[in-house]
Amino acid sequence: MVLVKLPILLLITAEPEFVYLIKRYGEWSGCRVISNSGVDEALAAIIRERPAMVFLHLLWGSEGGWSSLRRLKQHAATCGIPITIISSVADEARARAEGADYWLWQPVMYADFRVALVATHALPAAAGEETDRGGSD
């Protein structure tokens, strides 16, 4: 039996429904998704798991989210890991200025999720090709 180590993605969000969506997208892409609701727990998980990418979910008026982005980009153990911001309200220009590597608007579509993985080199272009997602024809 051959064990394959799946790329790990880390999601930082306080919304359980959002965790479900991103975990599904990650599975469809051939990745394993872990989640945390705060940056302190996320930093520990990042150091332990070494994810290929971090998704940071920013909510309306979330100065804490911007602070989290800065902390992740300044921490020696995490500064080289790409961070994709996911938000329906935050400022994309500010996210880029604060160090975000990629941006996804909510609602997040699977095709956009895949583009983010490839664009940030978290997943090679040929990896995780579309699989059966349980839909019916």
C-alpha atoms as a PDB file:
ATOM      1  CA  MET A   1       0.000   0.000   0.000  1.00  0.00           C
ATOM      2  CA  VAL A   2       1.358   3.404  -0.993  1.00  0.00           C
ATOM      3  CA  LEU A   3       0.486   6.380   1.164  1.00  0.00           C
ATOM      4  CA  VAL A   4       0.210   9.666  -0.661  1.00  0.00           C
ATOM      5  CA  LYS A   5       0.735  12.840   1.310  1.00  0.00           C
ATOM      6  CA  LEU A   6      -1.918  15.311   0.215  1.00  0.00           C
ATOM      7  CA  PRO A   7      -1.123  19.020   0.067  1.00  0.00           C
ATOM      8  CA  ILE A   8      -2.453  20.738   3.175  1.00  0.00           C
ATOM      9  CA  LEU A   9      -4.493  23.930   3.082  1.00  0.00           C
ATOM     10  CA  LEU A  10      -5.246  25.893   6.238  1.00  0.00           C
ATOM     11  CA  LEU A  11      -8.399  27.977   6.596  1.00  0.00           C
ATOM     12  CA  ILE A  12      -8.793  30.661   9.256  1.00  0.00           C
ATOM     13  CA  THR A  13     -12.467  31.488   9.777  1.00  0.00           C
ATOM     14  CA  ALA A  14     -15.071  31.744  12.517  1.00  0.00           C
ATOM     15  CA  GLU A  15     -17.885  30.423  10.294  1.00  0.00           C
ATOM     16  CA  PRO A  16     -18.486  26.632  10.417  1.00  0.00           C
ATOM     17  CA  GLU A  17     -20.534  26.659   7.182  1.00  0.00           C
ATOM     18  CA  PHE A  18     -17.588  28.183   5.383  1.00  0.00           C
ATOM     19  CA  VAL A  19     -15.268  25.479   6.735  1.00  0.00           C
ATOM     20  CA  TYR A  20     -17.551  22.871   5.168  1.00  0.00           C
ATOM     21  CA  LEU A  21     -17.436  24.546   1.739  1.00  0.00           C
ATOM     22  CA  ILE A  22     -13.664  25.003   1.646  1.00  0.00           C
ATOM     23  CA  LYS A  23     -13.076  21.448   2.917  1.00  0.00           C
ATOM     24  CA  ARG A  24     -15.211  20.133   0.060  1.00  0.00           C
ATOM     25  CA  TYR A  25     -13.344  22.257  -2.491  1.00  0.00           C
ATOM     26  CA  GLY A  26     -10.054  21.073  -1.014  1.00  0.00           C
ATOM     27  CA  GLU A  27     -11.088  17.421  -1.239  1.00  0.00           C
ATOM     28  CA  TRP A  28     -12.184  17.878  -4.852  1.00  0.00           C
ATOM     29  CA  SER A  29      -8.750  19.370  -5.562  1.00  0.00           C
ATOM     30  CA  GLY A  30      -6.831  16.526  -3.933  1.00  0.00           C
ATOM     31  CA  CYS A  31      -5.925  18.467  -0.786  1.00  0.00           C
ATOM     32  CA  ARG A  32      -6.538  18.129   2.928  1.00  0.00           C
ATOM     33  CA  VAL A  33      -8.015  21.187   4.644  1.00  0.00           C
ATOM     34  CA  ILE A  34      -7.532  22.006   8.302  1.00  0.00           C
ATOM     35  CA  SER A  35      -9.217  24.958   9.957  1.00  0.00           C
ATOM     36  CA  ASN A  36      -8.772  27.259  12.912  1.00  0.00           C
ATOM     37  CA  SER A  37     -10.881  30.114  14.176  1.00  0.00           C
ATOM     38  CA  GLY A  38      -8.027  32.289  15.421  1.00  0.00           C
ATOM     39  CA  VAL A  39      -4.546  33.310  14.361  1.00  0.00           C
ATOM     40  CA  ASP A  40      -2.793  31.950  17.473  1.00  0.00           C
ATOM     41  CA  GLU A  41      -4.147  28.443  16.881  1.00  0.00           C
ATOM     42  CA  ALA A  42      -3.475  28.854  13.158  1.00  0.00           C
ATOM     43  CA  LEU A  43       0.180  29.777  13.762  1.00  0.00           C
ATOM     44  CA  ALA A  44       0.685  26.623  15.820  1.00  0.00           C
ATOM     45  CA  ALA A  45      -1.018  24.520  13.115  1.00  0.00           C
ATOM     46  CA  ILE A  46       1.045  26.167  10.365  1.00  0.00           C
ATOM     47  CA  ILE A  47       4.295  25.413  12.174  1.00  0.00           C
ATOM     48  CA  ARG A  48       3.182  21.817  12.822  1.00  0.00           C
ATOM     49  CA  GLU A  49       1.567  21.024   9.437  1.00  0.00           C
ATOM     50  CA  ARG A  50       3.427  23.292   6.938  1.00  0.00           C
ATOM     51  CA  PRO A  51       0.433  23.953   4.664  1.00  0.00           C
ATOM     52  CA  ALA A  52       0.845  24.794   0.990  1.00  0.00           C
ATOM     53  CA  MET A  53      -1.493  27.778   1.421  1.00  0.00           C
ATOM     54  CA  VAL A  54      -3.447  29.669   4.064  1.00  0.00           C
ATOM     55  CA  PHE A  55      -6.939  31.001   3.391  1.00  0.00           C
ATOM     56  CA  LEU A  56      -7.854  33.926   5.647  1.00  0.00           C
ATOM     57  CA  HIS A  57     -11.566  34.710   5.743  1.00  0.00           C
ATOM     58  CA  LEU A  58     -12.104  38.430   6.404  1.00  0.00           C
ATOM     59  CA  LEU A  59     -15.454  39.637   7.682  1.00  0.00           C
ATOM     60  CA  TRP A  60     -16.991  43.101   7.650  1.00  0.00           C
ATOM     61  CA  GLY A  61     -15.171  45.610   9.838  1.00  0.00           C
ATOM     62  CA  SER A  62     -12.595  43.029  10.863  1.00  0.00           C
ATOM     63  CA  GLU A  63      -9.488  44.954  11.931  1.00  0.00           C
ATOM     64  CA  GLY A  64      -8.490  41.707  13.617  1.00  0.00           C
ATOM     65  CA  GLY A  65      -8.344  40.084  10.190  1.00  0.00           C
ATOM     66  CA  TRP A  66      -5.870  42.682   8.913  1.00  0.00           C
ATOM     67  CA  SER A  67      -3.821  42.240  12.065  1.00  0.00           C
ATOM     68  CA  SER A  68      -3.859  38.467  11.493  1.00  0.00           C
ATOM     69  CA  LEU A  69      -2.618  38.916   7.931  1.00  0.00           C
ATOM     70  CA  ARG A  70       0.254  41.119   9.117  1.00  0.00           C
ATOM     71  CA  ARG A  71       1.196  38.648  11.866  1.00  0.00           C
ATOM     72  CA  LEU A  72       1.250  35.737   9.438  1.00  0.00           C
ATOM     73  CA  LYS A  73       3.346  37.649   6.908  1.00  0.00           C
ATOM     74  CA  GLN A  74       5.822  38.831   9.559  1.00  0.00           C
ATOM     75  CA  HIS A  75       6.268  35.521  11.430  1.00  0.00           C
ATOM     76  CA  ALA A  76       9.477  33.723  10.416  1.00  0.00           C
ATOM     77  CA  ALA A  77       7.779  30.314  10.218  1.00  0.00           C
ATOM     78  CA  THR A  78       4.894  31.505   8.045  1.00  0.00           C
ATOM     79  CA  CYS A  79       6.117  34.429   5.950  1.00  0.00           C
ATOM     80  CA  GLY A  80       6.891  32.219   2.930  1.00  0.00           C
ATOM     81  CA  ILE A  81       3.489  30.514   2.818  1.00  0.00           C
ATOM     82  CA  PRO A  82       1.034  32.091   0.362  1.00  0.00           C
ATOM     83  CA  ILE A  83      -2.051  33.667   1.904  1.00  0.00           C
ATOM     84  CA  THR A  84      -5.305  34.025   0.014  1.00  0.00           C
ATOM     85  CA  ILE A  85      -7.872  36.430   1.419  1.00  0.00           C
ATOM     86  CA  ILE A  86     -11.524  35.463   1.077  1.00  0.00           C
ATOM     87  CA  SER A  87     -14.081  38.223   1.639  1.00  0.00           C
ATOM     88  CA  SER A  88     -17.290  39.739   0.373  1.00  0.00           C
ATOM     89  CA  VAL A  89     -16.626  43.157   1.851  1.00  0.00           C
ATOM     90  CA  ALA A  90     -12.940  43.776   2.543  1.00  0.00           C
ATOM     91  CA  ASP A  91     -10.673  45.932   0.409  1.00  0.00           C
ATOM     92  CA  GLU A  92      -8.692  43.959  -2.191  1.00  0.00           C
ATOM     93  CA  ALA A  93      -6.137  46.757  -2.666  1.00  0.00           C
ATOM     94  CA  ARG A  94      -5.508  46.895   1.075  1.00  0.00           C
ATOM     95  CA  ALA A  95      -5.165  43.114   1.206  1.00  0.00           C
ATOM     96  CA  ARG A  96      -2.453  43.226  -1.454  1.00  0.00           C
ATOM     97  CA  ALA A  97      -0.715  46.128   0.314  1.00  0.00           C
ATOM     98  CA  GLU A  98      -0.794  44.191   3.607  1.00  0.00           C
ATOM     99  CA  GLY A  99       0.890  41.201   1.933  1.00  0.00           C
ATOM    100  CA  ALA A 100      -1.883  38.922   0.651  1.00  0.00           C
ATOM    101  CA  ASP A 101      -0.755  36.758  -2.250  1.00  0.00           C
ATOM    102  CA  TYR A 102      -4.188  36.212  -3.766  1.00  0.00           C
ATOM    103  CA  TRP A 103      -7.784  37.357  -3.380  1.00  0.00           C
ATOM    104  CA  LEU A 104     -11.110  35.527  -3.682  1.00  0.00           C
ATOM    105  CA  TRP A 105     -14.472  37.243  -3.561  1.00  0.00           C
ATOM    106  CA  GLN A 106     -17.350  35.570  -1.793  1.00  0.00           C
ATOM    107  CA  PRO A 107     -19.263  33.595  -2.738  1.00  0.00           C
ATOM    108  CA  VAL A 108     -16.298  31.426  -3.674  1.00  0.00           C
ATOM    109  CA  MET A 109     -16.822  29.330  -6.778  1.00  0.00           C
ATOM    110  CA  TYR A 110     -14.889  26.080  -7.183  1.00  0.00           C
ATOM    111  CA  ALA A 111     -13.217  27.223 -10.423  1.00  0.00           C
ATOM    112  CA  ASP A 112     -11.908  30.365  -8.678  1.00  0.00           C
ATOM    113  CA  PHE A 113     -10.690  28.273  -5.743  1.00  0.00           C
ATOM    114  CA  ARG A 114      -8.705  26.088  -8.171  1.00  0.00           C
ATOM    115  CA  VAL A 115      -7.228  29.144  -9.899  1.00  0.00           C
ATOM    116  CA  ALA A 116      -6.029  30.435  -6.509  1.00  0.00           C
ATOM    117  CA  LEU A 117      -4.312  27.109  -5.769  1.00  0.00           C
ATOM    118  CA  VAL A 118      -2.486  27.090  -9.091  1.00  0.00           C
ATOM    119  CA  ALA A 119      -1.699  30.837  -9.151  1.00  0.00           C
ATOM    120  CA  THR A 120      -0.002  30.666  -5.743  1.00  0.00           C
ATOM    121  CA  HIS A 121       1.768  27.388  -6.591  1.00  0.00           C
ATOM    122  CA  ALA A 122      -0.014  25.606  -3.744  1.00  0.00           C
ATOM    123  CA  LEU A 123      -1.022  22.996  -6.306  1.00  0.00           C
ATOM    124  CA  PRO A 124       0.539  22.206  -9.680  1.00  0.00           C
ATOM    125  CA  ALA A 125      -1.701  22.966 -12.658  1.00  0.00           C
ATOM    126  CA  ALA A 126      -2.171  19.274 -13.524  1.00  0.00           C
ATOM    127  CA  ALA A 127      -2.763  18.068  -9.955  1.00  0.00           C
ATOM    128  CA  GLY A 128      -6.184  17.541  -8.464  1.00  0.00           C
ATOM    129  CA  GLU A 129      -8.022  17.524 -11.771  1.00  0.00           C
ATOM    130  CA  GLU A 130     -11.785  17.545 -11.585  1.00  0.00           C
ATOM    131  CA  THR A 131     -13.144  14.464  -9.855  1.00  0.00           C
ATOM    132  CA  ASP A 132     -16.651  13.184  -9.374  1.00  0.00           C
ATOM    133  CA  ARG A 133     -18.187  15.597  -6.894  1.00  0.00           C
ATOM    134  CA  GLY A 134     -21.260  13.520  -6.288  1.00  0.00           C
ATOM    135  CA  GLY A 135     -23.518  15.425  -8.652  1.00  0.00           C
ATOM    136  CA  SER A 136     -26.039  13.813 -10.937  1.00  0.00           C
ATOM    137  CA  ASP A 137     -26.385  14.307 -14.670  1.00  0.00           C
END
